[in-house]
Amino acid sequence: DKTTVFPRLRWVFFSFSLALYLADVYVQQGFFIVTYALGIYLLNLLIGFLSPQVDPEVVGGVLPVHEGEEFR
């Protein structure tokens, strides 16, 4: 995908930053509430990424039943 620039480098940087932050939390024995909030935020982003934007039952779209019908 050409819209995402340097995906491997971004994942490496994210993993390094996360490991550095977790090591800092472990060494200092603090920031547990901040870490908990960060985990909830990342989980919220993951759920938003995995869930569909439009629910076909709410919008009213129905999958085609017969050969000539289209999905709208």
N, C-alpha and C. Protein backbone atom coordinates (compact mmCIF):
# COMPACT_ATOMS: atom_id res chain seq x y z
N ASP A 1 0.84 -1.18 0.00
CA ASP A 1 0.00 0.00 0.00
C ASP A 1 0.89 1.24 0.00
N LYS A 2 0.66 2.11 -0.95
CA LYS A 2 1.52 3.28 -1.09
C LYS A 2 1.13 4.42 -0.16
N THR A 3 0.00 4.31 0.54
CA THR A 3 -0.39 5.39 1.43
C THR A 3 0.37 5.33 2.75
N THR A 4 0.89 4.18 3.12
CA THR A 4 1.65 4.04 4.35
C THR A 4 3.14 4.03 4.00
N VAL A 5 3.85 5.01 4.53
CA VAL A 5 5.25 5.15 4.23
C VAL A 5 6.07 4.42 5.30
N PHE A 6 7.04 3.62 4.90
CA PHE A 6 7.97 2.91 5.77
C PHE A 6 7.25 2.09 6.85
N PRO A 7 6.40 1.13 6.48
CA PRO A 7 5.64 0.39 7.51
C PRO A 7 6.54 -0.44 8.44
N ARG A 8 7.57 -1.06 7.91
CA ARG A 8 8.44 -1.88 8.75
C ARG A 8 9.21 -1.02 9.75
N LEU A 9 9.71 0.12 9.30
CA LEU A 9 10.43 1.03 10.18
C LEU A 9 9.51 1.58 11.26
N ARG A 10 8.27 1.86 10.92
CA ARG A 10 7.31 2.36 11.91
C ARG A 10 7.01 1.31 12.97
N TRP A 11 6.86 0.02 12.55
CA TRP A 11 6.63 -1.05 13.53
C TRP A 11 7.84 -1.25 14.42
N VAL A 12 9.03 -1.17 13.86
CA VAL A 12 10.25 -1.31 14.65
C VAL A 12 10.35 -0.18 15.67
N PHE A 13 10.08 1.03 15.24
CA PHE A 13 10.13 2.18 16.15
C PHE A 13 9.06 2.05 17.24
N PHE A 14 7.85 1.62 16.88
CA PHE A 14 6.80 1.43 17.88
C PHE A 14 7.20 0.35 18.89
N SER A 15 7.71 -0.77 18.42
CA SER A 15 8.11 -1.86 19.31
C SER A 15 9.24 -1.41 20.24
N PHE A 16 10.21 -0.70 19.70
CA PHE A 16 11.32 -0.20 20.52
C PHE A 16 10.81 0.79 21.57
N SER A 17 9.94 1.70 21.16
CA SER A 17 9.40 2.69 22.11
C SER A 17 8.58 2.01 23.20
N LEU A 18 7.78 1.03 22.83
CA LEU A 18 6.97 0.31 23.81
C LEU A 18 7.86 -0.47 24.78
N ALA A 19 8.88 -1.13 24.26
CA ALA A 19 9.80 -1.88 25.12
C ALA A 19 10.55 -0.93 26.06
N LEU A 20 10.96 0.20 25.56
CA LEU A 20 11.65 1.19 26.39
C LEU A 20 10.73 1.72 27.49
N TYR A 21 9.48 2.00 27.15
CA TYR A 21 8.52 2.49 28.14
C TYR A 21 8.23 1.42 29.20
N LEU A 22 8.02 0.17 28.78
CA LEU A 22 7.75 -0.90 29.73
C LEU A 22 8.95 -1.16 30.64
N ALA A 23 10.17 -1.06 30.10
CA ALA A 23 11.36 -1.21 30.93
C ALA A 23 11.45 -0.08 31.95
N ASP A 24 11.10 1.13 31.54
CA ASP A 24 11.11 2.27 32.45
C ASP A 24 10.08 2.09 33.57
N VAL A 25 8.90 1.60 33.22
CA VAL A 25 7.86 1.34 34.23
C VAL A 25 8.33 0.26 35.19
N TYR A 26 8.98 -0.78 34.70
CA TYR A 26 9.46 -1.87 35.54
C TYR A 26 10.56 -1.39 36.49
N VAL A 27 11.48 -0.58 35.98
CA VAL A 27 12.59 -0.11 36.80
C VAL A 27 12.11 0.87 37.87
N GLN A 28 11.23 1.79 37.51
CA GLN A 28 10.76 2.80 38.45
C GLN A 28 9.65 2.30 39.36
N GLN A 29 9.01 1.18 39.00
CA GLN A 29 7.87 0.65 39.75
C GLN A 29 6.78 1.72 39.91
N GLY A 30 6.48 2.39 38.82
CA GLY A 30 5.47 3.45 38.84
C GLY A 30 4.79 3.57 37.51
N PHE A 31 3.94 4.55 37.39
CA PHE A 31 3.20 4.86 36.17
C PHE A 31 2.25 3.74 35.75
N PHE A 32 1.75 2.97 36.72
CA PHE A 32 0.86 1.87 36.38
C PHE A 32 -0.48 2.37 35.86
N ILE A 33 -0.97 3.48 36.38
CA ILE A 33 -2.26 4.01 35.92
C ILE A 33 -2.11 4.54 34.49
N VAL A 34 -1.00 5.18 34.21
CA VAL A 34 -0.76 5.68 32.85
C VAL A 34 -0.63 4.51 31.88
N THR A 35 0.04 3.46 32.31
CA THR A 35 0.20 2.26 31.46
C THR A 35 -1.15 1.60 31.22
N TYR A 36 -1.99 1.54 32.25
CA TYR A 36 -3.32 0.97 32.11
C TYR A 36 -4.16 1.79 31.12
N ALA A 37 -4.10 3.12 31.22
CA ALA A 37 -4.83 3.98 30.30
C ALA A 37 -4.31 3.82 28.87
N LEU A 38 -3.00 3.70 28.72
CA LEU A 38 -2.41 3.50 27.39
C LEU A 38 -2.85 2.17 26.80
N GLY A 39 -2.93 1.13 27.62
CA GLY A 39 -3.41 -0.17 27.15
C GLY A 39 -4.86 -0.11 26.71
N ILE A 40 -5.71 0.59 27.46
CA ILE A 40 -7.11 0.74 27.07
C ILE A 40 -7.22 1.51 25.76
N TYR A 41 -6.40 2.55 25.61
CA TYR A 41 -6.42 3.33 24.37
C TYR A 41 -6.01 2.48 23.17
N LEU A 42 -4.95 1.69 23.32
CA LEU A 42 -4.51 0.83 22.21
C LEU A 42 -5.53 -0.25 21.89
N LEU A 43 -6.18 -0.79 22.93
CA LEU A 43 -7.24 -1.77 22.70
C LEU A 43 -8.43 -1.14 21.98
N ASN A 44 -8.76 0.10 22.33
CA ASN A 44 -9.84 0.82 21.65
C ASN A 44 -9.50 1.03 20.17
N LEU A 45 -8.26 1.37 19.87
CA LEU A 45 -7.85 1.53 18.47
C LEU A 45 -7.95 0.21 17.71
N LEU A 46 -7.55 -0.89 18.36
CA LEU A 46 -7.61 -2.20 17.71
C LEU A 46 -9.06 -2.61 17.44
N ILE A 47 -9.95 -2.40 18.40
CA ILE A 47 -11.36 -2.74 18.20
C ILE A 47 -11.97 -1.89 17.10
N GLY A 48 -11.63 -0.61 17.07
CA GLY A 48 -12.12 0.26 16.01
C GLY A 48 -11.62 -0.15 14.64
N PHE A 49 -10.41 -0.68 14.58
CA PHE A 49 -9.86 -1.14 13.31
C PHE A 49 -10.55 -2.42 12.84
N LEU A 50 -10.89 -3.31 13.77
CA LEU A 50 -11.46 -4.60 13.40
C LEU A 50 -12.96 -4.55 13.16
N SER A 51 -13.67 -3.59 13.74
CA SER A 51 -15.12 -3.57 13.57
C SER A 51 -15.50 -2.83 12.29
N PRO A 52 -16.60 -3.25 11.65
CA PRO A 52 -17.03 -2.60 10.41
C PRO A 52 -17.54 -1.19 10.68
N GLN A 53 -17.39 -0.33 9.68
CA GLN A 53 -17.84 1.05 9.84
C GLN A 53 -19.35 1.15 9.77
N VAL A 54 -19.98 0.32 8.95
CA VAL A 54 -21.42 0.39 8.75
C VAL A 54 -22.02 -0.97 9.09
N ASP A 55 -23.05 -0.98 9.91
CA ASP A 55 -23.76 -2.21 10.24
C ASP A 55 -24.89 -2.38 9.22
N PRO A 56 -24.88 -3.43 8.40
CA PRO A 56 -25.91 -3.58 7.37
C PRO A 56 -27.32 -3.69 7.94
N GLU A 57 -27.50 -4.20 9.14
CA GLU A 57 -28.84 -4.31 9.71
C GLU A 57 -29.40 -2.95 10.10
N VAL A 58 -28.55 -2.05 10.56
CA VAL A 58 -29.01 -0.73 10.97
C VAL A 58 -29.26 0.16 9.76
N VAL A 59 -28.38 0.10 8.78
CA VAL A 59 -28.48 0.94 7.59
C VAL A 59 -29.61 0.47 6.69
N GLY A 60 -29.91 -0.81 6.70
CA GLY A 60 -31.00 -1.33 5.90
C GLY A 60 -30.53 -2.09 4.68
N GLY A 61 -29.26 -2.19 4.48
CA GLY A 61 -28.75 -2.97 3.36
C GLY A 61 -28.91 -4.45 3.62
N VAL A 62 -29.34 -5.16 2.61
CA VAL A 62 -29.55 -6.60 2.73
C VAL A 62 -28.73 -7.28 1.64
N LEU A 63 -28.14 -8.39 1.98
CA LEU A 63 -27.39 -9.14 0.98
C LEU A 63 -28.34 -9.70 -0.07
N PRO A 64 -27.89 -9.83 -1.31
CA PRO A 64 -28.77 -10.32 -2.36
C PRO A 64 -29.20 -11.77 -2.11
N VAL A 65 -30.49 -12.02 -2.38
CA VAL A 65 -31.04 -13.36 -2.21
C VAL A 65 -31.15 -14.06 -3.56
N HIS A 66 -31.51 -13.31 -4.59
CA HIS A 66 -31.66 -13.86 -5.93
C HIS A 66 -30.49 -13.41 -6.81
N GLU A 67 -30.37 -14.07 -7.95
CA GLU A 67 -29.25 -13.83 -8.85
C GLU A 67 -29.22 -12.39 -9.40
N GLY A 68 -30.37 -11.79 -9.70
CA GLY A 68 -30.41 -10.49 -10.34
C GLY A 68 -30.33 -9.31 -9.37
N GLU A 69 -30.37 -9.53 -8.09
CA GLU A 69 -30.37 -8.43 -7.12
C GLU A 69 -28.94 -7.92 -6.87
N GLU A 70 -28.86 -6.63 -6.51
CA GLU A 70 -27.58 -6.02 -6.16
C GLU A 70 -27.58 -5.67 -4.69
N PHE A 71 -26.40 -5.63 -4.09
CA PHE A 71 -26.26 -5.18 -2.71
C PHE A 71 -26.17 -3.67 -2.69
N ARG A 72 -27.06 -3.02 -1.94
CA ARG A 72 -27.04 -1.56 -1.84
C ARG A 72 -27.05 -1.13 -0.41
